[in-house]
Amino acid sequence: MSNNVIVIAEHFKGQIDDITFEMLGKAKELAAGYGGQTIALLMGSGIKDLSGQMGAADKVVYVDSPELAQFNPEAYGKTAAEVVKGLGAKAILTGYTSMGMDIGAGLSVDLDMPLVAYVNQMTGDSATSQLYGGKMNVESETSGAYIVSVLAGAFPAAAGKQGGAPVVEEASAPDLGNLKVKFKKLIEPEGGDVDITTQDILVSVGRGIQNEDNLPMMEELAAKLGAVVSCSRPIVDNKWLGKTRQVGKSGLKVKPKVYLAFGISGAPEHIEGMKDAELIIAINTDSNAPIFDYAHYGTTEDLFDLVPAITGKL
């Protein structure tokens, strides 16, 4: 068995995604313990130059093919399986993202390797999964070869962004001519009334605001702070706010100076979108809510008492 640790790199519009850097930093640590190499696997079309962004890797193996120009779970999964077979791996790290979930499960079957999902902690011989919205942590032994699906924000990206000169190698794509899944087109979201990605302060609301009638209270606070109201996915699902206000994996990634999270539990999908805020303040009556693991400051006060009090002081 090889001792290499392979990271399935993700990119979009010419930039390596942060989840890749988070995984690279951890992969480098694991590979040092195993006595193997840290290898980034990069798939796409016209993507060779992106290799230089991953200096933390010992080696970057890229597969360049027109069939990989847009993400196709069947094409990417088949390509990853073939390349990994040639490289050998003790561990494969994928992101807990749309792409990572599509690829990781298929690799587990194709390579006959166990998959540990929702991982937020790792050592050389175990991986801890965060389940049920952070209410349960499950530790799995990783003594043999394995695959993990890593939660966004679980590991610092800084360790994976260090400079370096990795060996860059090209691998051939397998035959992708008879795919069942065909890419049609990428549909970008329509522009909204406000761009939450450019705001310095966000007042973000979740299921804890209970109903739509309580939105004006939050909008009043936001106005007093010179902020904009954003939200977690349940608010959009209930059609209380539009999709362009949603923060998270299936919404938008934001990096405000201040992120106020009211009644947001902190599901991994949401954390992925706001974890890079300079200052995170969480308000949630559930002291065990995962959002507190990422917040710089937090309180378990009832938001229905706190918000009017703050607004009245401003």
Protein backbone atom coordinates (compact mmCIF):
# COMPACT_ATOMS: atom_id res chain seq x y z
CA MET A 1 0.00 0.00 0.00
CA SER A 2 1.25 3.48 -0.91
CA ASN A 3 1.68 6.11 1.80
CA ASN A 4 0.65 9.03 -0.42
CA VAL A 5 -2.12 11.42 0.61
CA ILE A 6 -4.11 12.67 -2.37
CA VAL A 7 -6.27 15.79 -2.36
CA ILE A 8 -9.02 16.11 -4.96
CA ALA A 9 -8.57 19.78 -5.90
CA GLU A 10 -11.54 22.02 -6.63
CA HIS A 11 -11.50 25.18 -8.72
CA PHE A 12 -13.92 27.66 -10.22
CA LYS A 13 -13.39 30.47 -12.73
CA GLY A 14 -9.62 30.17 -12.67
CA GLN A 15 -9.15 30.04 -8.90
CA ILE A 16 -8.47 27.14 -6.54
CA ASP A 17 -11.26 26.95 -3.95
CA ASP A 18 -10.40 27.48 -0.27
CA ILE A 19 -11.55 23.96 0.65
CA THR A 20 -8.61 22.67 -1.40
CA PHE A 21 -6.10 24.69 0.62
CA GLU A 22 -7.72 23.52 3.85
CA MET A 23 -7.30 19.90 2.77
CA LEU A 24 -3.74 20.44 1.49
CA GLY A 25 -2.57 21.69 4.88
CA LYS A 26 -3.97 18.63 6.64
CA ALA A 27 -2.76 16.30 3.88
CA LYS A 28 0.79 17.58 4.30
CA GLU A 29 0.63 16.81 8.02
CA LEU A 30 -0.74 13.31 7.40
CA ALA A 31 1.74 12.51 4.63
CA ALA A 32 4.65 13.48 6.88
CA GLY A 33 3.42 10.97 9.44
CA TYR A 34 2.86 8.23 6.88
CA GLY A 35 6.16 8.82 5.11
CA GLY A 36 4.51 9.57 1.77
CA GLN A 37 3.90 12.49 -0.57
CA THR A 38 1.17 15.10 -0.63
CA ILE A 39 -0.37 14.97 -4.11
CA ALA A 40 -3.03 17.31 -5.51
CA LEU A 41 -5.18 15.89 -8.30
CA LEU A 42 -6.42 18.65 -10.59
CA MET A 43 -8.99 17.96 -13.31
CA GLY A 44 -10.40 20.29 -15.95
CA SER A 45 -9.60 21.93 -19.27
CA GLY A 46 -6.82 24.49 -19.66
CA ILE A 47 -5.96 24.17 -15.99
CA LYS A 48 -2.20 23.48 -15.94
CA ASP A 49 -1.38 27.00 -14.72
CA LEU A 50 -3.54 26.47 -11.62
CA SER A 51 -0.91 24.02 -10.40
CA GLY A 52 1.23 26.93 -9.26
CA GLN A 53 -1.41 27.95 -6.71
CA MET A 54 -0.87 24.71 -4.77
CA GLY A 55 2.66 25.17 -3.47
CA ALA A 56 1.95 23.13 -0.35
CA ALA A 57 1.76 19.94 -2.42
CA ASP A 58 4.81 17.83 -3.18
CA LYS A 59 3.30 17.01 -6.54
CA VAL A 60 0.40 18.22 -8.66
CA VAL A 61 -1.02 15.75 -11.16
CA TYR A 62 -3.35 17.38 -13.66
CA VAL A 63 -5.68 15.89 -16.24
CA ASP A 64 -6.56 18.24 -19.09
CA SER A 65 -9.45 17.25 -21.33
CA PRO A 66 -12.31 19.05 -23.14
CA GLU A 67 -14.70 16.58 -21.50
CA LEU A 68 -13.61 17.96 -18.11
CA ALA A 69 -14.17 21.63 -18.96
CA GLN A 70 -17.31 21.68 -16.81
CA PHE A 71 -17.92 19.52 -13.77
CA ASN A 72 -19.55 16.23 -14.69
CA PRO A 73 -19.73 13.75 -11.80
CA GLU A 74 -19.42 10.75 -14.08
CA ALA A 75 -16.43 12.11 -16.01
CA TYR A 76 -14.60 13.44 -12.95
CA GLY A 77 -15.26 10.29 -10.93
CA LYS A 78 -14.01 8.01 -13.68
CA THR A 79 -10.92 10.15 -14.22
CA ALA A 80 -10.09 10.38 -10.52
CA ALA A 81 -10.40 6.62 -10.06
CA GLU A 82 -8.03 5.87 -12.94
CA VAL A 83 -5.41 8.38 -11.83
CA VAL A 84 -5.51 7.33 -8.17
CA LYS A 85 -5.05 3.70 -9.15
CA GLY A 86 -1.82 4.66 -10.87
CA LEU A 87 -0.55 6.83 -8.02
CA GLY A 88 -1.55 4.71 -5.06
CA ALA A 89 -2.88 6.28 -1.86
CA LYS A 90 -3.03 5.74 1.86
CA ALA A 91 -5.63 8.51 2.12
CA ILE A 92 -7.78 10.52 -0.29
CA LEU A 93 -9.24 13.84 0.86
CA THR A 94 -12.34 15.26 -0.83
CA GLY A 95 -14.36 18.27 0.25
CA TYR A 96 -17.83 17.98 1.72
CA THR A 97 -19.04 19.93 -1.30
CA SER A 98 -21.29 19.14 -4.24
CA MET A 99 -18.26 18.02 -6.23
CA GLY A 100 -16.61 16.18 -3.35
CA MET A 101 -19.73 14.25 -2.42
CA ASP A 102 -20.25 13.18 -6.02
CA ILE A 103 -16.66 11.99 -6.42
CA GLY A 104 -15.97 10.55 -2.97
CA ALA A 105 -18.76 7.99 -2.92
CA GLY A 106 -17.87 6.72 -6.38
CA LEU A 107 -14.19 6.44 -5.51
CA SER A 108 -15.07 4.43 -2.43
CA VAL A 109 -16.79 1.85 -4.64
CA ASP A 110 -14.30 1.90 -7.52
CA LEU A 111 -11.23 1.64 -5.28
CA ASP A 112 -12.79 -0.54 -2.55
CA MET A 113 -11.82 2.00 0.13
CA PRO A 114 -14.02 3.00 3.08
CA LEU A 115 -15.40 6.55 3.08
CA VAL A 116 -15.63 8.60 6.28
CA ALA A 117 -17.94 11.60 5.73
CA TYR A 118 -18.53 14.92 7.54
CA VAL A 119 -14.97 14.96 8.90
CA ASN A 120 -13.91 17.93 11.04
CA GLN A 121 -10.93 16.40 12.90
CA MET A 122 -8.20 13.99 11.82
CA THR A 123 -5.10 12.28 13.13
CA GLY A 124 -2.93 9.69 11.44
CA ASP A 125 -5.13 6.82 12.63
CA SER A 126 -8.61 8.28 13.14
CA ALA A 127 -11.15 10.69 11.70
CA THR A 128 -13.97 12.41 13.58
CA SER A 129 -17.31 13.08 11.87
CA GLN A 130 -19.70 15.83 12.94
CA LEU A 131 -23.27 14.55 12.74
CA TYR A 132 -26.80 15.77 13.47
CA GLY A 133 -25.96 19.44 13.11
CA GLY A 134 -22.98 19.15 15.44
CA LYS A 135 -24.82 17.36 18.24
CA MET A 136 -22.80 14.16 17.83
CA ASN A 137 -19.14 13.44 17.04
CA VAL A 138 -18.27 9.95 15.78
CA GLU A 139 -14.67 8.74 15.69
CA SER A 140 -13.68 6.22 13.00
CA GLU A 141 -10.45 4.26 12.86
CA THR A 142 -8.40 4.81 9.70
CA SER A 143 -5.77 2.12 9.98
CA GLY A 144 -5.94 1.02 6.32
CA ALA A 145 -6.37 2.98 3.11
CA TYR A 146 -9.35 5.33 3.33
CA ILE A 147 -11.24 8.30 1.87
CA VAL A 148 -12.53 11.25 3.89
CA SER A 149 -15.05 13.95 3.05
CA VAL A 150 -13.86 17.10 4.84
CA LEU A 151 -16.18 19.80 6.18
CA ALA A 152 -15.40 23.32 5.01
CA GLY A 153 -13.60 25.30 7.70
CA ALA A 154 -12.48 22.21 9.61
CA PHE A 155 -8.80 22.94 8.97
CA PRO A 156 -7.03 26.29 8.46
CA ALA A 157 -6.41 27.24 4.85
CA ALA A 158 -3.17 29.10 5.65
CA ALA A 159 -1.12 25.89 5.91
CA GLY A 160 -2.24 24.92 2.43
CA LYS A 161 -1.44 28.30 0.90
CA GLN A 162 2.28 28.26 1.59
CA GLY A 163 4.65 28.83 -1.29
CA GLY A 164 6.55 26.02 -2.94
CA ALA A 165 7.50 24.45 -6.22
CA PRO A 166 5.64 21.16 -6.55
CA VAL A 167 6.50 18.68 -9.24
CA VAL A 168 3.86 19.04 -11.95
CA GLU A 169 2.89 16.01 -14.00
CA GLU A 170 0.20 15.46 -16.60
CA ALA A 171 -1.89 12.30 -16.57
CA SER A 172 -4.01 11.08 -19.45
CA ALA A 173 -7.78 11.12 -19.22
CA PRO A 174 -9.58 7.79 -19.64
CA ASP A 175 -12.07 7.27 -22.45
CA LEU A 176 -14.89 9.72 -21.72
CA GLY A 177 -16.74 9.32 -24.99
CA ASN A 178 -19.75 7.33 -23.79
CA LEU A 179 -20.88 9.21 -20.71
CA LYS A 180 -24.46 8.87 -19.53
CA VAL A 181 -24.36 12.30 -17.91
CA LYS A 182 -24.06 15.23 -20.32
CA PHE A 183 -23.33 18.82 -19.33
CA LYS A 184 -25.83 21.23 -20.89
CA LYS A 185 -25.13 24.70 -19.51
CA LEU A 186 -24.19 26.64 -16.40
CA ILE A 187 -27.03 28.80 -15.14
CA GLU A 188 -25.75 31.73 -13.08
CA PRO A 189 -28.11 33.13 -10.41
CA GLU A 190 -29.92 36.32 -11.27
CA GLY A 191 -28.67 39.51 -9.70
CA GLY A 192 -30.50 40.60 -6.56
CA ASP A 193 -31.44 43.94 -5.05
CA VAL A 194 -28.19 43.95 -3.09
CA ASP A 195 -24.85 42.15 -3.33
CA ILE A 196 -24.19 40.57 0.07
CA THR A 197 -20.64 39.63 -0.98
CA THR A 198 -19.55 43.29 -0.93
CA GLN A 199 -20.98 44.27 2.48
CA ASP A 200 -18.85 45.14 5.52
CA ILE A 201 -21.54 44.08 8.00
CA LEU A 202 -24.13 41.35 7.61
CA VAL A 203 -27.06 40.66 9.92
CA SER A 204 -27.73 37.04 9.04
CA VAL A 205 -30.90 35.27 10.12
CA GLY A 206 -31.82 31.61 10.38
CA ARG A 207 -34.64 29.35 11.44
CA GLY A 208 -34.48 30.86 14.93
CA ILE A 209 -36.39 33.97 13.85
CA GLN A 210 -39.41 31.61 13.74
CA ASN A 211 -41.53 33.35 11.10
CA GLU A 212 -41.49 35.96 8.34
CA ASP A 213 -43.24 38.53 10.52
CA ASN A 214 -40.02 38.92 12.52
CA LEU A 215 -37.94 39.99 9.53
CA PRO A 216 -38.75 43.73 9.89
CA MET A 217 -37.19 43.66 13.36
CA MET A 218 -33.96 42.31 11.87
CA GLU A 219 -34.06 44.77 8.98
CA GLU A 220 -34.42 47.65 11.44
CA LEU A 221 -31.33 46.48 13.32
CA ALA A 222 -29.42 46.12 10.06
CA ALA A 223 -30.38 49.65 9.01
CA LYS A 224 -29.13 51.06 12.33
CA LEU A 225 -25.82 49.22 11.89
CA GLY A 226 -25.39 50.21 8.25
CA ALA A 227 -25.67 46.52 7.43
CA VAL A 228 -27.62 44.25 5.10
CA VAL A 229 -29.78 41.26 6.04
CA SER A 230 -28.60 37.87 4.77
CA CYS A 231 -29.81 34.41 5.71
CA SER A 232 -29.34 30.66 5.91
CA ARG A 233 -31.00 28.22 3.53
CA PRO A 234 -34.25 27.55 5.49
CA ILE A 235 -35.20 31.21 5.12
CA VAL A 236 -34.89 30.96 1.33
CA ASP A 237 -36.68 27.61 1.26
CA ASN A 238 -39.58 29.26 3.09
CA LYS A 239 -39.46 32.12 0.54
CA TRP A 240 -39.03 34.75 3.25
CA LEU A 241 -35.95 36.14 1.45
CA GLY A 242 -34.58 35.67 -2.05
CA LYS A 243 -31.79 33.33 -3.10
CA THR A 244 -29.37 36.24 -3.51
CA ARG A 245 -29.48 36.76 0.27
CA GLN A 246 -28.46 33.17 1.07
CA VAL A 247 -25.06 32.49 2.63
CA GLY A 248 -23.60 29.00 2.24
CA LYS A 249 -22.53 26.23 -0.07
CA SER A 250 -25.66 26.48 -2.20
CA GLY A 251 -25.76 30.26 -1.78
CA LEU A 252 -22.95 32.81 -1.69
CA LYS A 253 -19.59 32.99 0.06
CA VAL A 254 -19.12 36.18 2.06
CA LYS A 255 -16.17 37.80 3.85
CA PRO A 256 -17.60 40.77 5.77
CA LYS A 257 -15.77 42.60 8.53
CA VAL A 258 -18.60 41.63 10.91
CA TYR A 259 -21.00 38.69 10.59
CA LEU A 260 -23.88 38.61 13.07
CA ALA A 261 -25.61 35.22 13.09
CA PHE A 262 -29.08 35.31 14.66
CA GLY A 263 -30.83 31.98 15.20
CA ILE A 264 -28.45 30.09 12.91
CA SER A 265 -27.35 26.67 14.16
CA GLY A 266 -24.27 26.46 11.93
CA ALA A 267 -24.79 23.56 9.54
CA PRO A 268 -21.67 22.73 7.47
CA GLU A 269 -23.35 24.09 4.34
CA HIS A 270 -23.75 27.50 6.00
CA ILE A 271 -20.32 27.56 7.63
CA GLU A 272 -18.70 27.10 4.23
CA GLY A 273 -20.14 30.42 3.13
CA MET A 274 -19.21 32.63 6.10
CA LYS A 275 -16.23 31.09 7.88
CA ASP A 276 -13.81 33.70 6.48
CA ALA A 277 -15.58 36.68 8.05
CA GLU A 278 -13.17 38.82 10.08
CA LEU A 279 -15.45 38.82 13.13
CA ILE A 280 -18.25 36.33 13.77
CA ILE A 281 -20.80 36.94 16.52
CA ALA A 282 -23.36 34.20 17.17
CA ILE A 283 -26.69 34.55 18.95
CA ASN A 284 -28.44 31.23 19.60
CA THR A 285 -30.29 29.86 22.63
CA ASP A 286 -28.79 26.41 21.99
CA SER A 287 -25.39 26.45 23.69
CA ASN A 288 -24.39 23.33 21.74
CA ALA A 289 -25.05 24.86 18.32
CA PRO A 290 -22.05 24.29 15.99
CA ILE A 291 -21.99 28.00 15.09
CA PHE A 292 -20.27 28.65 18.42
CA ASP A 293 -17.29 26.56 17.28
CA TYR A 294 -16.59 29.20 14.63
CA ALA A 295 -17.74 32.37 16.40
CA HIS A 296 -15.30 34.81 17.96
CA TYR A 297 -18.03 35.92 20.36
CA GLY A 298 -21.38 34.44 21.21
CA THR A 299 -24.36 34.54 23.53
CA THR A 300 -27.27 32.25 24.34
CA GLU A 301 -29.60 35.19 25.01
CA ASP A 302 -32.97 35.08 23.26
CA LEU A 303 -32.71 37.12 20.07
CA PHE A 304 -36.25 38.44 20.65
CA ASP A 305 -34.98 40.12 23.83
CA LEU A 306 -31.56 41.06 22.50
CA VAL A 307 -32.41 42.60 19.12
CA PRO A 308 -34.91 45.22 20.41
CA ALA A 309 -32.50 46.11 23.22
CA ILE A 310 -29.59 46.65 20.82
CA THR A 311 -31.73 48.54 18.32
CA GLY A 312 -33.00 50.80 21.08
CA LYS A 313 -29.44 51.72 22.06
CA LEU A 314 -28.36 52.64 18.52
